[in-house]
Structures are given as structure tokens and as C-alpha cells.
């Protein structure tokens, strides 16, 4: 499976890991990964360390996640590869999301 969501022990953090291609083919599993996230979780980490490709549909899915969880929840994009970081930078996602290496 390309998308895995894990909740922290304290319940305040969720990590959503995306492996392989982050594109329209994983829409359903990516959407399912954050449907139950609400304001009780303070941080959502989207682990991109295993993501080797990202397209515009992936950017749309990240925006959809941001809209769903609301502004009270911090979304952090973690460990993007140089190629994925280039896509995020071109789309100015560093202005919308926290990005950590």
C-alpha cells in the first residue's frame, strides 16, 4: 500500500506516509488517511521520504487535506526528496505548509 497513517501514543500527532508515486492513483487511500483527523490532533506529518514522484494531483490532495483538518492543525511535509522539493517549491507550497528535511 502506498499510504499509511499512524497515530502517536498521545493522540496529538498523526503521520501519513506516502511511498512511491504520489499521484491521482492514490486519491482514495490518501483521502481515507485523513478523514478522521480533527482538531484534537495538533500536528499532521506527511512523510515524503519514500515518495519518488509527485504531480499536480498530489498538490491538490495536500490542499484538500489542509482544508479538511482546518487551520488549528499544523501540517508538516517531512523529508521530501530533491525532486519532490522542486515540485513543492515551484508551487510555493513552502508558503502554505511547514517543510522539514
N, C-alpha and C. Protein backbone atom coordinates (compact mmCIF):
# COMPACT_ATOMS: atom_id res chain seq x y z
N UNK A 1 0.84 -1.20 0.00
CA UNK A 1 0.00 0.00 0.00
C UNK A 1 0.87 1.24 0.00
N UNK A 2 0.49 2.25 -0.73
CA UNK A 2 1.27 3.48 -0.85
C UNK A 2 1.07 4.47 0.28
N UNK A 3 -0.06 4.41 0.98
CA UNK A 3 -0.36 5.39 2.01
C UNK A 3 -0.64 4.67 3.33
N UNK A 4 0.06 5.10 4.38
CA UNK A 4 -0.15 4.53 5.70
C UNK A 4 -0.28 5.68 6.69
N UNK A 5 -1.30 5.63 7.55
CA UNK A 5 -1.48 6.64 8.59
C UNK A 5 -1.25 5.99 9.95
N UNK A 6 -0.42 6.65 10.77
CA UNK A 6 -0.14 6.16 12.11
C UNK A 6 -0.37 7.29 13.11
N UNK A 7 -1.08 6.95 14.20
CA UNK A 7 -1.34 7.92 15.26
C UNK A 7 -0.29 7.77 16.36
N UNK A 8 0.13 8.89 16.94
CA UNK A 8 1.10 8.83 18.02
C UNK A 8 0.46 8.28 19.29
N UNK A 9 1.28 7.92 20.24
CA UNK A 9 0.80 7.38 21.51
C UNK A 9 -0.11 8.37 22.23
N UNK A 10 0.25 9.64 22.22
CA UNK A 10 -0.55 10.64 22.94
C UNK A 10 -1.77 11.11 22.16
N UNK A 11 -1.92 10.66 20.92
CA UNK A 11 -3.09 11.01 20.13
C UNK A 11 -3.09 12.42 19.55
N UNK A 12 -2.00 13.15 19.74
CA UNK A 12 -1.96 14.54 19.27
C UNK A 12 -1.24 14.71 17.93
N UNK A 13 -0.69 13.62 17.42
CA UNK A 13 0.06 13.70 16.18
C UNK A 13 -0.27 12.50 15.30
N UNK A 14 -0.36 12.77 14.01
CA UNK A 14 -0.61 11.72 13.02
C UNK A 14 0.48 11.83 11.96
N UNK A 15 1.01 10.68 11.56
CA UNK A 15 1.97 10.65 10.45
C UNK A 15 1.34 9.88 9.30
N UNK A 16 1.28 10.54 8.16
CA UNK A 16 0.77 9.93 6.93
C UNK A 16 1.98 9.74 6.02
N UNK A 17 2.31 8.50 5.73
CA UNK A 17 3.46 8.20 4.88
C UNK A 17 3.00 7.85 3.47
N UNK A 18 3.66 8.44 2.49
CA UNK A 18 3.35 8.17 1.09
C UNK A 18 4.60 7.58 0.44
N UNK A 19 4.48 6.36 -0.06
CA UNK A 19 5.61 5.70 -0.71
C UNK A 19 5.35 5.56 -2.21
N UNK A 20 6.40 5.73 -2.99
CA UNK A 20 6.27 5.59 -4.44
C UNK A 20 5.74 6.84 -5.10
N UNK A 21 4.81 6.66 -6.00
CA UNK A 21 4.24 7.76 -6.77
C UNK A 21 3.09 8.40 -6.00
N UNK A 22 3.16 9.72 -5.84
CA UNK A 22 2.09 10.48 -5.20
C UNK A 22 1.34 11.16 -6.34
N UNK A 23 0.30 10.47 -6.83
CA UNK A 23 -0.47 10.98 -7.95
C UNK A 23 -1.93 10.55 -7.81
N UNK A 24 -2.73 10.76 -8.83
CA UNK A 24 -4.17 10.53 -8.77
C UNK A 24 -4.53 9.09 -8.40
N UNK A 25 -3.64 8.15 -8.63
CA UNK A 25 -3.95 6.74 -8.37
C UNK A 25 -4.10 6.43 -6.89
N UNK A 26 -3.58 7.28 -6.01
CA UNK A 26 -3.71 7.01 -4.58
C UNK A 26 -4.73 7.94 -3.91
N UNK A 27 -5.54 8.60 -4.72
CA UNK A 27 -6.51 9.55 -4.19
C UNK A 27 -7.36 8.95 -3.06
N UNK A 28 -7.97 7.81 -3.29
CA UNK A 28 -8.87 7.22 -2.29
C UNK A 28 -8.14 6.87 -1.00
N UNK A 29 -6.97 6.25 -1.09
CA UNK A 29 -6.26 5.88 0.12
C UNK A 29 -5.70 7.10 0.84
N UNK A 30 -5.26 8.12 0.10
CA UNK A 30 -4.77 9.33 0.75
C UNK A 30 -5.91 10.06 1.46
N UNK A 31 -7.04 10.18 0.80
CA UNK A 31 -8.19 10.84 1.42
C UNK A 31 -8.64 10.09 2.67
N UNK A 32 -8.66 8.78 2.61
CA UNK A 32 -9.06 7.97 3.77
C UNK A 32 -8.09 8.17 4.94
N UNK A 33 -6.82 8.46 4.64
CA UNK A 33 -5.82 8.59 5.70
C UNK A 33 -6.07 9.79 6.62
N UNK A 34 -6.79 10.80 6.15
CA UNK A 34 -7.01 11.97 7.00
C UNK A 34 -8.48 12.25 7.30
N UNK A 35 -9.38 11.41 6.89
CA UNK A 35 -10.80 11.66 7.11
C UNK A 35 -11.19 11.74 8.59
N UNK A 36 -10.49 11.02 9.45
CA UNK A 36 -10.84 11.03 10.87
C UNK A 36 -9.99 11.99 11.69
N UNK A 37 -9.13 12.74 11.05
CA UNK A 37 -8.31 13.72 11.75
C UNK A 37 -9.17 14.94 12.06
N UNK A 38 -9.08 15.40 13.29
CA UNK A 38 -9.81 16.60 13.69
C UNK A 38 -8.90 17.48 14.54
N UNK A 39 -9.46 18.50 15.16
CA UNK A 39 -8.66 19.46 15.90
C UNK A 39 -8.03 18.89 17.17
N UNK A 40 -8.40 17.67 17.58
CA UNK A 40 -7.73 17.07 18.74
C UNK A 40 -6.31 16.66 18.41
N UNK A 41 -6.04 16.40 17.14
CA UNK A 41 -4.67 16.16 16.71
C UNK A 41 -4.06 17.53 16.40
N UNK A 42 -2.92 17.80 16.96
CA UNK A 42 -2.29 19.12 16.79
C UNK A 42 -1.40 19.20 15.56
N UNK A 43 -0.86 18.04 15.14
CA UNK A 43 0.08 18.04 14.03
C UNK A 43 -0.17 16.83 13.13
N UNK A 44 -0.11 17.08 11.82
CA UNK A 44 -0.12 16.00 10.84
C UNK A 44 1.21 16.10 10.10
N UNK A 45 2.00 15.04 10.18
CA UNK A 45 3.25 14.95 9.44
C UNK A 45 3.00 14.11 8.20
N UNK A 46 3.27 14.67 7.03
CA UNK A 46 3.16 13.92 5.79
C UNK A 46 4.59 13.52 5.42
N UNK A 47 4.90 12.25 5.66
CA UNK A 47 6.24 11.73 5.41
C UNK A 47 6.42 11.45 3.93
N UNK A 48 7.28 12.24 3.29
CA UNK A 48 7.54 12.11 1.86
C UNK A 48 8.90 11.48 1.58
N UNK A 49 9.52 10.90 2.58
CA UNK A 49 10.86 10.34 2.41
C UNK A 49 10.90 9.19 1.41
N UNK A 50 9.79 8.49 1.24
CA UNK A 50 9.74 7.38 0.30
C UNK A 50 8.98 7.73 -0.97
N UNK A 51 8.67 9.01 -1.15
CA UNK A 51 7.94 9.48 -2.34
C UNK A 51 8.94 9.80 -3.43
N UNK A 52 8.82 9.13 -4.56
CA UNK A 52 9.78 9.39 -5.63
C UNK A 52 9.21 10.22 -6.78
N UNK A 53 7.91 10.50 -6.73
CA UNK A 53 7.28 11.29 -7.80
C UNK A 53 6.05 11.98 -7.23
N UNK A 54 5.85 13.22 -7.61
CA UNK A 54 4.67 13.98 -7.18
C UNK A 54 4.20 14.82 -8.35
N UNK A 55 2.88 14.83 -8.59
CA UNK A 55 2.34 15.65 -9.67
C UNK A 55 1.33 16.64 -9.11
N UNK A 56 0.66 17.35 -10.00
CA UNK A 56 -0.28 18.39 -9.58
C UNK A 56 -1.48 17.81 -8.81
N UNK A 57 -1.86 16.58 -9.10
CA UNK A 57 -2.97 16.00 -8.34
C UNK A 57 -2.57 15.78 -6.88
N UNK A 58 -1.31 15.48 -6.63
CA UNK A 58 -0.81 15.34 -5.26
C UNK A 58 -0.87 16.69 -4.54
N UNK A 59 -0.54 17.75 -5.24
CA UNK A 59 -0.63 19.08 -4.64
C UNK A 59 -2.08 19.39 -4.26
N UNK A 60 -2.99 19.02 -5.14
CA UNK A 60 -4.41 19.21 -4.85
C UNK A 60 -4.86 18.39 -3.64
N UNK A 61 -4.34 17.18 -3.50
CA UNK A 61 -4.69 16.35 -2.35
C UNK A 61 -4.16 16.94 -1.05
N UNK A 62 -2.97 17.53 -1.09
CA UNK A 62 -2.44 18.18 0.11
C UNK A 62 -3.30 19.39 0.49
N UNK A 63 -3.76 20.14 -0.51
CA UNK A 63 -4.65 21.27 -0.23
C UNK A 63 -5.99 20.79 0.33
N UNK A 64 -6.48 19.67 -0.20
CA UNK A 64 -7.72 19.09 0.30
C UNK A 64 -7.55 18.67 1.77
N UNK A 65 -6.41 18.08 2.10
CA UNK A 65 -6.13 17.71 3.49
C UNK A 65 -6.13 18.95 4.38
N UNK A 66 -5.46 19.98 3.91
CA UNK A 66 -5.36 21.23 4.68
C UNK A 66 -6.74 21.82 4.95
N UNK A 67 -7.59 21.78 3.95
CA UNK A 67 -8.96 22.29 4.11
C UNK A 67 -9.75 21.43 5.09
N UNK A 68 -9.59 20.12 5.00
CA UNK A 68 -10.33 19.20 5.87
C UNK A 68 -9.94 19.35 7.34
N UNK A 69 -8.65 19.40 7.64
CA UNK A 69 -8.22 19.42 9.05
C UNK A 69 -8.37 20.80 9.69
N UNK A 70 -8.39 21.83 8.90
CA UNK A 70 -8.57 23.18 9.42
C UNK A 70 -7.25 23.81 9.85
N UNK A 71 -7.33 25.07 10.15
CA UNK A 71 -6.13 25.86 10.47
C UNK A 71 -5.57 25.55 11.85
N UNK A 72 -6.35 24.95 12.73
CA UNK A 72 -5.88 24.64 14.08
C UNK A 72 -4.87 23.50 14.09
N UNK A 73 -4.85 22.71 13.03
CA UNK A 73 -3.93 21.57 12.92
C UNK A 73 -2.78 21.96 12.01
N UNK A 74 -1.55 21.78 12.50
CA UNK A 74 -0.36 22.09 11.71
C UNK A 74 -0.03 20.90 10.81
N UNK A 75 0.16 21.18 9.52
CA UNK A 75 0.57 20.14 8.57
C UNK A 75 2.03 20.39 8.21
N UNK A 76 2.83 19.37 8.40
CA UNK A 76 4.26 19.46 8.12
C UNK A 76 4.63 18.42 7.07
N UNK A 77 5.24 18.86 5.99
CA UNK A 77 5.73 17.95 4.95
C UNK A 77 7.17 17.60 5.32
N UNK A 78 7.43 16.30 5.49
CA UNK A 78 8.68 15.85 6.07
C UNK A 78 9.53 15.06 5.08
N UNK A 79 10.81 15.41 5.02
CA UNK A 79 11.83 14.70 4.24
C UNK A 79 11.52 14.50 2.76
N UNK A 80 11.13 15.55 2.05
CA UNK A 80 10.92 15.38 0.60
C UNK A 80 12.27 15.20 -0.10
N UNK A 81 12.29 14.38 -1.12
CA UNK A 81 13.50 14.22 -1.94
C UNK A 81 13.73 15.53 -2.71
N UNK A 82 14.91 15.71 -3.28
CA UNK A 82 15.15 16.93 -4.07
C UNK A 82 14.14 17.13 -5.20
N UNK A 83 13.75 16.05 -5.88
CA UNK A 83 12.77 16.18 -6.97
C UNK A 83 11.41 16.60 -6.45
N UNK A 84 10.98 16.00 -5.34
CA UNK A 84 9.69 16.36 -4.75
C UNK A 84 9.75 17.79 -4.20
N UNK A 85 10.86 18.15 -3.60
CA UNK A 85 11.03 19.51 -3.07
C UNK A 85 10.94 20.54 -4.19
N UNK A 86 11.46 20.21 -5.35
CA UNK A 86 11.40 21.11 -6.50
C UNK A 86 9.94 21.38 -6.89
N UNK A 87 9.12 20.32 -6.91
CA UNK A 87 7.70 20.47 -7.22
C UNK A 87 7.02 21.35 -6.18
N UNK A 88 7.31 21.10 -4.91
CA UNK A 88 6.72 21.90 -3.82
C UNK A 88 7.15 23.36 -3.92
N UNK A 89 8.40 23.60 -4.25
CA UNK A 89 8.90 24.97 -4.35
C UNK A 89 8.28 25.71 -5.54
N UNK A 90 8.17 25.04 -6.67
CA UNK A 90 7.56 25.68 -7.85
C UNK A 90 6.12 26.09 -7.55
N UNK A 91 5.42 25.27 -6.77
CA UNK A 91 4.02 25.55 -6.42
C UNK A 91 3.90 26.48 -5.21
N UNK A 92 5.02 26.95 -4.67
CA UNK A 92 5.05 27.82 -3.49
C UNK A 92 4.40 27.18 -2.26
N UNK A 93 4.50 25.87 -2.15
CA UNK A 93 3.91 25.19 -1.00
C UNK A 93 4.68 25.45 0.28
N UNK A 94 5.89 25.98 0.17
CA UNK A 94 6.63 26.36 1.37
C UNK A 94 5.96 27.54 2.07
N UNK A 95 5.07 28.23 1.37
CA UNK A 95 4.31 29.34 1.98
C UNK A 95 3.05 28.83 2.67
N UNK A 96 2.57 27.64 2.28
CA UNK A 96 1.33 27.09 2.82
C UNK A 96 1.55 26.03 3.88
N UNK A 97 2.69 25.35 3.81
CA UNK A 97 2.97 24.23 4.70
C UNK A 97 4.36 24.41 5.31
N UNK A 98 4.55 23.83 6.46
CA UNK A 98 5.88 23.73 7.04
C UNK A 98 6.57 22.56 6.34
N UNK A 99 7.81 22.75 5.90
CA UNK A 99 8.56 21.68 5.24
C UNK A 99 9.84 21.45 6.02
N UNK A 100 10.03 20.20 6.46
CA UNK A 100 11.21 19.83 7.24
C UNK A 100 12.01 18.75 6.51
N UNK A 101 13.31 18.91 6.53
CA UNK A 101 14.18 17.89 5.95
C UNK A 101 14.61 16.91 7.01
